[in-house]
Amino acid sequence: MEFSYKAYCRLIELLHVHGYQICPYKETYDAERVCILRHDVDSSLEKALAFAEFEKKLNVCSTYFILIRSDLYNPFSKESVQLIHRIHALGHDIGLHFDEKYIEESSMANITAVIKTEAVCMETLLNLPINSISMHRPSSETLNADYRIPGLINSYSRKFFREFKYVSDSRRNWREDVTKLICSKNYSKLHILTHPIWYDIEEQGVRDTLLYFISSASRERYHSLRKEFTHLEEFIVEEDIKK
């Protein structure tokens, strides 16, 4: 499968053709064939919003998992909050993307407590309902833990990671052909993870995608600094950072 909006559109069409109902995370499902669409926002809220807008055109609702501990974006800045609210306003759910590497004491009780704290923090500061979590680069221990957190659905619980057929495009690589899985009729429950950073109108290679993301950070930093540094253009203009 290509990493383009057209290819993703074809994936959605295939799901419909083969009778899959696209559903959010829930405790129980009544439909005979269901599919959960999940997006981990590891790098860029801007790319996530663009993807969410495209899904809206497809009449698709999915779940976007947001990191609250990230070196690449601040989910609680004014601009980020606006982006996240725009994603939610398009009909998508917002969930917590939990990064376990920040936790020193890794007992199950401690991790579940920290997850609950982060979810409450996210819900309070974003003023949005947070009902689900996904793990960021989970360890094998986390994948096997089957964490139960009151008020939250764990996308890596045995229900969604074992009972559903799970497939992911992590590192821009489908380890299984997702289109063949849909067409095979072997699975009544699908759980599909994609990362918005990899998708655009036209497919781009891994190197080009990453280089563009890195270079665009300079422009974003420049525009952020302009808001804080009066008359920044007296010293640096935008053309300077393109050299």
C-alpha atoms as a PDB file:
ATOM      1  CA  MET A   1       0.000   0.000   0.000  1.00  0.00           C
ATOM      2  CA  GLU A   2       1.296   3.458  -0.903  1.00  0.00           C
ATOM      3  CA  PHE A   3       1.633   6.196   1.685  1.00  0.00           C
ATOM      4  CA  SER A   4      -0.685   8.737   0.070  1.00  0.00           C
ATOM      5  CA  TYR A   5      -4.171  10.086   0.686  1.00  0.00           C
ATOM      6  CA  LYS A   6      -5.409   8.274  -2.427  1.00  0.00           C
ATOM      7  CA  ALA A   7      -4.115   4.959  -1.104  1.00  0.00           C
ATOM      8  CA  TYR A   8      -5.730   5.581   2.278  1.00  0.00           C
ATOM      9  CA  CYS A   9      -9.000   6.411   0.515  1.00  0.00           C
ATOM     10  CA  ARG A  10      -8.806   3.051  -1.269  1.00  0.00           C
ATOM     11  CA  LEU A  11      -8.253   1.340   2.084  1.00  0.00           C
ATOM     12  CA  ILE A  12     -11.428   2.939   3.455  1.00  0.00           C
ATOM     13  CA  GLU A  13     -13.349   1.925   0.331  1.00  0.00           C
ATOM     14  CA  LEU A  14     -12.141  -1.657   0.761  1.00  0.00           C
ATOM     15  CA  LEU A  15     -13.383  -1.701   4.343  1.00  0.00           C
ATOM     16  CA  HIS A  16     -16.831  -0.592   3.200  1.00  0.00           C
ATOM     17  CA  VAL A  17     -16.917  -3.052   0.287  1.00  0.00           C
ATOM     18  CA  HIS A  18     -16.128  -5.945   2.618  1.00  0.00           C
ATOM     19  CA  GLY A  19     -18.762  -4.967   5.147  1.00  0.00           C
ATOM     20  CA  TYR A  20     -16.660  -3.470   7.920  1.00  0.00           C
ATOM     21  CA  GLN A  21     -18.258  -0.913  10.204  1.00  0.00           C
ATOM     22  CA  ILE A  22     -15.689   1.696  11.294  1.00  0.00           C
ATOM     23  CA  CYS A  23     -16.112   2.121  15.052  1.00  0.00           C
ATOM     24  CA  PRO A  24     -14.500   3.932  17.967  1.00  0.00           C
ATOM     25  CA  TYR A  25     -13.058   2.093  20.946  1.00  0.00           C
ATOM     26  CA  LYS A  26     -15.924   0.538  22.915  1.00  0.00           C
ATOM     27  CA  GLU A  27     -16.379  -2.240  25.424  1.00  0.00           C
ATOM     28  CA  THR A  28     -18.750  -4.210  23.182  1.00  0.00           C
ATOM     29  CA  TYR A  29     -19.672  -4.278  19.493  1.00  0.00           C
ATOM     30  CA  ASP A  30     -22.897  -5.390  17.856  1.00  0.00           C
ATOM     31  CA  ALA A  31     -21.823  -5.290  14.196  1.00  0.00           C
ATOM     32  CA  GLU A  32     -20.695  -8.523  12.564  1.00  0.00           C
ATOM     33  CA  ARG A  33     -17.537  -6.940  11.104  1.00  0.00           C
ATOM     34  CA  VAL A  34     -15.865  -3.964  12.780  1.00  0.00           C
ATOM     35  CA  CYS A  35     -12.691  -1.945  12.247  1.00  0.00           C
ATOM     36  CA  ILE A  36     -10.998   0.517  14.591  1.00  0.00           C
ATOM     37  CA  LEU A  37      -8.884   3.207  12.950  1.00  0.00           C
ATOM     38  CA  ARG A  38      -6.213   4.639  15.209  1.00  0.00           C
ATOM     39  CA  HIS A  39      -3.554   7.296  14.616  1.00  0.00           C
ATOM     40  CA  ASP A  40      -0.550   7.841  16.895  1.00  0.00           C
ATOM     41  CA  VAL A  41       0.622  11.453  16.691  1.00  0.00           C
ATOM     42  CA  ASP A  42       4.313  10.932  17.378  1.00  0.00           C
ATOM     43  CA  SER A  43       5.715  13.949  15.562  1.00  0.00           C
ATOM     44  CA  SER A  44       3.376  16.585  14.159  1.00  0.00           C
ATOM     45  CA  LEU A  45      -0.022  17.935  15.177  1.00  0.00           C
ATOM     46  CA  GLU A  46      -0.172  19.816  11.870  1.00  0.00           C
ATOM     47  CA  LYS A  47       0.082  16.567   9.902  1.00  0.00           C
ATOM     48  CA  ALA A  48      -2.493  15.026  12.221  1.00  0.00           C
ATOM     49  CA  LEU A  49      -4.961  17.831  11.483  1.00  0.00           C
ATOM     50  CA  ALA A  50      -4.420  17.494   7.734  1.00  0.00           C
ATOM     51  CA  PHE A  51      -5.106  13.772   7.999  1.00  0.00           C
ATOM     52  CA  ALA A  52      -8.171  14.379  10.168  1.00  0.00           C
ATOM     53  CA  GLU A  53      -9.553  16.804   7.593  1.00  0.00           C
ATOM     54  CA  PHE A  54      -9.039  14.236   4.847  1.00  0.00           C
ATOM     55  CA  GLU A  55     -10.805  11.565   6.902  1.00  0.00           C
ATOM     56  CA  LYS A  56     -13.722  13.954   7.385  1.00  0.00           C
ATOM     57  CA  LYS A  57     -14.100  14.101   3.592  1.00  0.00           C
ATOM     58  CA  LEU A  58     -14.298  10.303   3.640  1.00  0.00           C
ATOM     59  CA  ASN A  59     -16.966  10.446   6.360  1.00  0.00           C
ATOM     60  CA  VAL A  60     -14.627   8.563   8.684  1.00  0.00           C
ATOM     61  CA  CYS A  61     -14.219   9.027  12.427  1.00  0.00           C
ATOM     62  CA  SER A  62     -11.135   7.671  14.163  1.00  0.00           C
ATOM     63  CA  THR A  63      -9.023   8.164  17.294  1.00  0.00           C
ATOM     64  CA  TYR A  64      -5.966  10.434  17.462  1.00  0.00           C
ATOM     65  CA  PHE A  65      -3.569   9.656  20.301  1.00  0.00           C
ATOM     66  CA  ILE A  66      -1.601  12.665  21.545  1.00  0.00           C
ATOM     67  CA  LEU A  67       1.642  12.630  23.535  1.00  0.00           C
ATOM     68  CA  ILE A  68       1.762  14.913  26.551  1.00  0.00           C
ATOM     69  CA  ARG A  69       5.492  14.244  27.049  1.00  0.00           C
ATOM     70  CA  SER A  70       7.235  15.025  23.799  1.00  0.00           C
ATOM     71  CA  ASP A  71      10.357  16.824  22.634  1.00  0.00           C
ATOM     72  CA  LEU A  72       8.697  17.519  19.273  1.00  0.00           C
ATOM     73  CA  TYR A  73       5.530  19.372  20.265  1.00  0.00           C
ATOM     74  CA  ASN A  74       3.813  20.888  23.297  1.00  0.00           C
ATOM     75  CA  PRO A  75       0.167  19.742  23.348  1.00  0.00           C
ATOM     76  CA  PHE A  76      -0.775  22.475  25.798  1.00  0.00           C
ATOM     77  CA  SER A  77       0.526  25.508  23.905  1.00  0.00           C
ATOM     78  CA  LYS A  78      -2.186  27.815  22.579  1.00  0.00           C
ATOM     79  CA  GLU A  79      -1.598  26.781  18.962  1.00  0.00           C
ATOM     80  CA  SER A  80      -1.494  23.066  19.795  1.00  0.00           C
ATOM     81  CA  VAL A  81      -4.707  23.221  21.813  1.00  0.00           C
ATOM     82  CA  GLN A  82      -6.394  24.880  18.837  1.00  0.00           C
ATOM     83  CA  LEU A  83      -5.122  22.149  16.488  1.00  0.00           C
ATOM     84  CA  ILE A  84      -6.321  19.379  18.795  1.00  0.00           C
ATOM     85  CA  HIS A  85      -9.736  21.002  19.189  1.00  0.00           C
ATOM     86  CA  ARG A  86     -10.040  21.271  15.424  1.00  0.00           C
ATOM     87  CA  ILE A  87      -9.319  17.546  15.100  1.00  0.00           C
ATOM     88  CA  HIS A  88     -11.977  16.813  17.717  1.00  0.00           C
ATOM     89  CA  ALA A  89     -14.487  19.157  16.054  1.00  0.00           C
ATOM     90  CA  LEU A  90     -14.169  17.072  12.876  1.00  0.00           C
ATOM     91  CA  GLY A  91     -15.769  14.196  14.786  1.00  0.00           C
ATOM     92  CA  HIS A  92     -12.652  12.324  15.882  1.00  0.00           C
ATOM     93  CA  ASP A  93     -11.832  11.088  19.380  1.00  0.00           C
ATOM     94  CA  ILE A  94      -8.741  12.293  21.235  1.00  0.00           C
ATOM     95  CA  GLY A  95      -6.798   9.836  23.362  1.00  0.00           C
ATOM     96  CA  LEU A  96      -3.643   9.775  25.472  1.00  0.00           C
ATOM     97  CA  HIS A  97      -0.464   8.449  23.854  1.00  0.00           C
ATOM     98  CA  PHE A  98       1.470   7.219  26.878  1.00  0.00           C
ATOM     99  CA  ASP A  99       5.279   7.065  26.868  1.00  0.00           C
ATOM    100  CA  GLU A 100       6.495   4.614  29.497  1.00  0.00           C
ATOM    101  CA  LYS A 101      10.158   5.620  29.222  1.00  0.00           C
ATOM    102  CA  TYR A 102       9.505   8.522  31.603  1.00  0.00           C
ATOM    103  CA  ILE A 103       8.496   6.140  34.391  1.00  0.00           C
ATOM    104  CA  GLU A 104      11.293   5.050  36.720  1.00  0.00           C
ATOM    105  CA  GLU A 105       9.290   2.694  38.938  1.00  0.00           C
ATOM    106  CA  SER A 106       7.653   0.283  36.529  1.00  0.00           C
ATOM    107  CA  SER A 107       5.310  -1.753  38.718  1.00  0.00           C
ATOM    108  CA  MET A 108       1.843  -2.281  37.279  1.00  0.00           C
ATOM    109  CA  ALA A 109       0.242  -0.273  40.091  1.00  0.00           C
ATOM    110  CA  ASN A 110       2.556   2.689  39.525  1.00  0.00           C
ATOM    111  CA  ILE A 111       2.198   2.695  35.743  1.00  0.00           C
ATOM    112  CA  THR A 112      -1.594   2.536  35.883  1.00  0.00           C
ATOM    113  CA  ALA A 113      -1.598   5.378  38.423  1.00  0.00           C
ATOM    114  CA  VAL A 114       0.622   7.546  36.199  1.00  0.00           C
ATOM    115  CA  ILE A 115      -1.526   6.787  33.139  1.00  0.00           C
ATOM    116  CA  LYS A 116      -4.639   7.870  35.038  1.00  0.00           C
ATOM    117  CA  THR A 117      -2.903  11.053  36.222  1.00  0.00           C
ATOM    118  CA  GLU A 118      -1.782  11.950  32.695  1.00  0.00           C
ATOM    119  CA  ALA A 119      -5.267  11.302  31.295  1.00  0.00           C
ATOM    120  CA  VAL A 120      -6.876  13.550  33.920  1.00  0.00           C
ATOM    121  CA  CYS A 121      -4.249  16.237  33.242  1.00  0.00           C
ATOM    122  CA  MET A 122      -4.874  16.021  29.506  1.00  0.00           C
ATOM    123  CA  GLU A 123      -8.648  16.109  29.928  1.00  0.00           C
ATOM    124  CA  THR A 124      -8.416  19.134  32.252  1.00  0.00           C
ATOM    125  CA  LEU A 125      -5.960  21.214  30.236  1.00  0.00           C
ATOM    126  CA  LEU A 126      -7.514  20.452  26.849  1.00  0.00           C
ATOM    127  CA  ASN A 127     -11.093  20.547  28.139  1.00  0.00           C
ATOM    128  CA  LEU A 128     -11.872  17.444  26.088  1.00  0.00           C
ATOM    129  CA  PRO A 129     -13.028  13.941  27.038  1.00  0.00           C
ATOM    130  CA  ILE A 130     -10.166  11.419  27.186  1.00  0.00           C
ATOM    131  CA  ASN A 131     -11.515   7.879  27.151  1.00  0.00           C
ATOM    132  CA  SER A 132      -8.699   5.803  25.654  1.00  0.00           C
ATOM    133  CA  ILE A 133      -4.933   5.330  25.698  1.00  0.00           C
ATOM    134  CA  SER A 134      -2.299   3.889  23.406  1.00  0.00           C
ATOM    135  CA  MET A 135       1.284   3.090  24.301  1.00  0.00           C
ATOM    136  CA  HIS A 136       4.193   4.835  22.600  1.00  0.00           C
ATOM    137  CA  ARG A 137       6.838   2.305  21.523  1.00  0.00           C
ATOM    138  CA  PRO A 138       5.649  -0.212  24.129  1.00  0.00           C
ATOM    139  CA  SER A 139       7.999  -2.681  25.726  1.00  0.00           C
ATOM    140  CA  SER A 140       7.234  -6.393  25.613  1.00  0.00           C
ATOM    141  CA  GLU A 141       6.287  -6.165  29.294  1.00  0.00           C
ATOM    142  CA  THR A 142       3.702  -3.504  28.510  1.00  0.00           C
ATOM    143  CA  LEU A 143       2.312  -5.461  25.581  1.00  0.00           C
ATOM    144  CA  ASN A 144       1.740  -8.420  27.891  1.00  0.00           C
ATOM    145  CA  ALA A 145       0.555  -6.481  30.929  1.00  0.00           C
ATOM    146  CA  ASP A 146      -3.077  -5.930  29.909  1.00  0.00           C
ATOM    147  CA  TYR A 147      -3.275  -2.745  31.994  1.00  0.00           C
ATOM    148  CA  ARG A 148      -6.740  -1.955  33.360  1.00  0.00           C
ATOM    149  CA  ILE A 149      -7.256   1.746  34.077  1.00  0.00           C
ATOM    150  CA  PRO A 150     -10.642   2.866  35.430  1.00  0.00           C
ATOM    151  CA  GLY A 151     -12.460   5.093  32.944  1.00  0.00           C
ATOM    152  CA  LEU A 152     -10.014   4.390  30.110  1.00  0.00           C
ATOM    153  CA  ILE A 153      -9.888   1.855  27.294  1.00  0.00           C
ATOM    154  CA  ASN A 154      -6.408   0.469  26.704  1.00  0.00           C
ATOM    155  CA  SER A 155      -5.831  -0.022  22.973  1.00  0.00           C
ATOM    156  CA  TYR A 156      -3.119  -2.573  23.863  1.00  0.00           C
ATOM    157  CA  SER A 157      -5.361  -4.633  26.105  1.00  0.00           C
ATOM    158  CA  ARG A 158      -5.783  -8.272  25.148  1.00  0.00           C
ATOM    159  CA  LYS A 159      -9.191  -7.410  23.723  1.00  0.00           C
ATOM    160  CA  PHE A 160      -7.876  -4.954  21.126  1.00  0.00           C
ATOM    161  CA  PHE A 161      -4.422  -6.412  20.619  1.00  0.00           C
ATOM    162  CA  ARG A 162      -5.268 -10.131  20.600  1.00  0.00           C
ATOM    163  CA  GLU A 163      -8.965 -10.554  19.806  1.00  0.00           C
ATOM    164  CA  PHE A 164      -8.754  -7.983  17.000  1.00  0.00           C
ATOM    165  CA  LYS A 165      -6.372  -8.466  14.076  1.00  0.00           C
ATOM    166  CA  TYR A 166      -3.859  -5.685  14.698  1.00  0.00           C
ATOM    167  CA  VAL A 167      -1.775  -4.184  11.888  1.00  0.00           C
ATOM    168  CA  SER A 168       0.445  -1.107  11.870  1.00  0.00           C
ATOM    169  CA  ASP A 169       2.484   1.082   9.506  1.00  0.00           C
ATOM    170  CA  SER A 170       5.159   1.763  12.170  1.00  0.00           C
ATOM    171  CA  ARG A 171       8.412   3.172  10.745  1.00  0.00           C
ATOM    172  CA  ARG A 172       6.505   3.550   7.459  1.00  0.00           C
ATOM    173  CA  ASN A 173       6.450  -0.191   6.968  1.00  0.00           C
ATOM    174  CA  TRP A 174       3.372  -2.399   6.860  1.00  0.00           C
ATOM    175  CA  ARG A 175       4.584  -5.684   8.327  1.00  0.00           C
ATOM    176  CA  GLU A 176       1.534  -7.327   6.781  1.00  0.00           C
ATOM    177  CA  ASP A 177      -0.346  -6.312   3.649  1.00  0.00           C
ATOM    178  CA  VAL A 178      -3.329  -4.499   5.142  1.00  0.00           C
ATOM    179  CA  THR A 179      -5.349  -4.619   1.930  1.00  0.00           C
ATOM    180  CA  LYS A 180      -4.969  -8.405   1.736  1.00  0.00           C
ATOM    181  CA  LEU A 181      -6.055  -8.712   5.354  1.00  0.00           C
ATOM    182  CA  ILE A 182      -9.238  -6.751   4.596  1.00  0.00           C
ATOM    183  CA  CYS A 183     -10.017  -8.787   1.493  1.00  0.00           C
ATOM    184  CA  SER A 184      -9.198 -12.161   3.052  1.00  0.00           C
ATOM    185  CA  LYS A 185     -12.470 -12.411   5.026  1.00  0.00           C
ATOM    186  CA  ASN A 186     -10.436 -14.163   7.732  1.00  0.00           C
ATOM    187  CA  TYR A 187     -10.959 -11.467  10.355  1.00  0.00           C
ATOM    188  CA  SER A 188     -14.224 -10.052  11.667  1.00  0.00           C
ATOM    189  CA  LYS A 189     -12.413  -7.490  13.846  1.00  0.00           C
ATOM    190  CA  LEU A 190      -9.609  -5.266  12.551  1.00  0.00           C
ATOM    191  CA  HIS A 191      -7.467  -2.764  14.479  1.00  0.00           C
ATOM    192  CA  ILE A 192      -5.483  -0.538  12.083  1.00  0.00           C
ATOM    193  CA  LEU A 193      -2.787   1.880  13.256  1.00  0.00           C
ATOM    194  CA  THR A 194      -1.393   4.590  10.979  1.00  0.00           C
ATOM    195  CA  HIS A 195       0.920   7.537  11.611  1.00  0.00           C
ATOM    196  CA  PRO A 196      -0.195  10.767   9.868  1.00  0.00           C
ATOM    197  CA  ILE A 197       3.355  11.997   9.284  1.00  0.00           C
ATOM    198  CA  TRP A 198       3.844   9.422   6.499  1.00  0.00           C
ATOM    199  CA  TYR A 199       0.874  10.492   4.359  1.00  0.00           C
ATOM    200  CA  ASP A 200       0.492  13.310   1.850  1.00  0.00           C
ATOM    201  CA  ILE A 201      -1.240  14.084  -1.445  1.00  0.00           C
ATOM    202  CA  GLU A 202       1.623  12.409  -3.293  1.00  0.00           C
ATOM    203  CA  GLU A 203       3.702   9.637  -1.782  1.00  0.00           C
ATOM    204  CA  GLN A 204       7.108  10.692  -0.456  1.00  0.00           C
ATOM    205  CA  GLY A 205      10.008   8.469   0.543  1.00  0.00           C
ATOM    206  CA  VAL A 206      11.102   8.078   4.147  1.00  0.00           C
ATOM    207  CA  ARG A 207      14.153  10.310   3.668  1.00  0.00           C
ATOM    208  CA  ASP A 208      12.227  13.110   1.939  1.00  0.00           C
ATOM    209  CA  THR A 209       9.440  12.987   4.516  1.00  0.00           C
ATOM    210  CA  LEU A 210      11.853  13.215   7.432  1.00  0.00           C
ATOM    211  CA  LEU A 211      13.997  15.920   5.814  1.00  0.00           C
ATOM    212  CA  TYR A 212      10.918  18.052   5.172  1.00  0.00           C
ATOM    213  CA  PHE A 213       9.736  17.585   8.752  1.00  0.00           C
ATOM    214  CA  ILE A 214      13.138  18.585  10.141  1.00  0.00           C
ATOM    215  CA  SER A 215      13.505  21.649   7.883  1.00  0.00           C
ATOM    216  CA  SER A 216       9.952  22.842   8.539  1.00  0.00           C
ATOM    217  CA  ALA A 217      10.791  23.003  12.253  1.00  0.00           C
ATOM    218  CA  SER A 218      13.071  25.979  11.539  1.00  0.00           C
ATOM    219  CA  ARG A 219      10.190  27.919   9.993  1.00  0.00           C
ATOM    220  CA  GLU A 220       7.896  27.026  12.876  1.00  0.00           C
ATOM    221  CA  ARG A 221      10.545  28.140  15.384  1.00  0.00           C
ATOM    222  CA  TYR A 222      10.997  31.426  13.496  1.00  0.00           C
ATOM    223  CA  HIS A 223       7.262  32.235  13.535  1.00  0.00           C
ATOM    224  CA  SER A 224       7.006  31.308  17.226  1.00  0.00           C
ATOM    225  CA  LEU A 225       9.935  33.575  18.045  1.00  0.00           C
ATOM    226  CA  ARG A 226       8.343  36.466  16.144  1.00  0.00           C
ATOM    227  CA  LYS A 227       5.459  36.396  18.611  1.00  0.00           C
ATOM    228  CA  GLU A 228       7.849  36.737  21.548  1.00  0.00           C
ATOM    229  CA  PHE A 229      10.660  38.915  20.135  1.00  0.00           C
ATOM    230  CA  THR A 230       9.584  42.389  19.105  1.00  0.00           C
ATOM    231  CA  HIS A 231      10.732  43.373  15.598  1.00  0.00           C
ATOM    232  CA  LEU A 232      12.631  40.136  15.048  1.00  0.00           C
ATOM    233  CA  GLU A 233      12.776  40.997  11.349  1.00  0.00           C
ATOM    234  CA  GLU A 234      15.287  43.739  12.171  1.00  0.00           C
ATOM    235  CA  PHE A 235      17.784  40.966  12.846  1.00  0.00           C
ATOM    236  CA  ILE A 236      16.508  37.889  11.009  1.00  0.00           C
ATOM    237  CA  VAL A 237      14.004  37.544   8.181  1.00  0.00           C
ATOM    238  CA  GLU A 238      12.384  34.315   7.096  1.00  0.00           C
ATOM    239  CA  GLU A 239      14.566  34.088   3.994  1.00  0.00           C
ATOM    240  CA  ASP A 240      17.627  33.806   6.258  1.00  0.00           C
ATOM    241  CA  ILE A 241      16.583  30.416   7.571  1.00  0.00           C
ATOM    242  CA  LYS A 242      16.138  29.040   4.065  1.00  0.00           C
ATOM    243  CA  LYS A 243      19.802  29.542   3.213  1.00  0.00           C
END
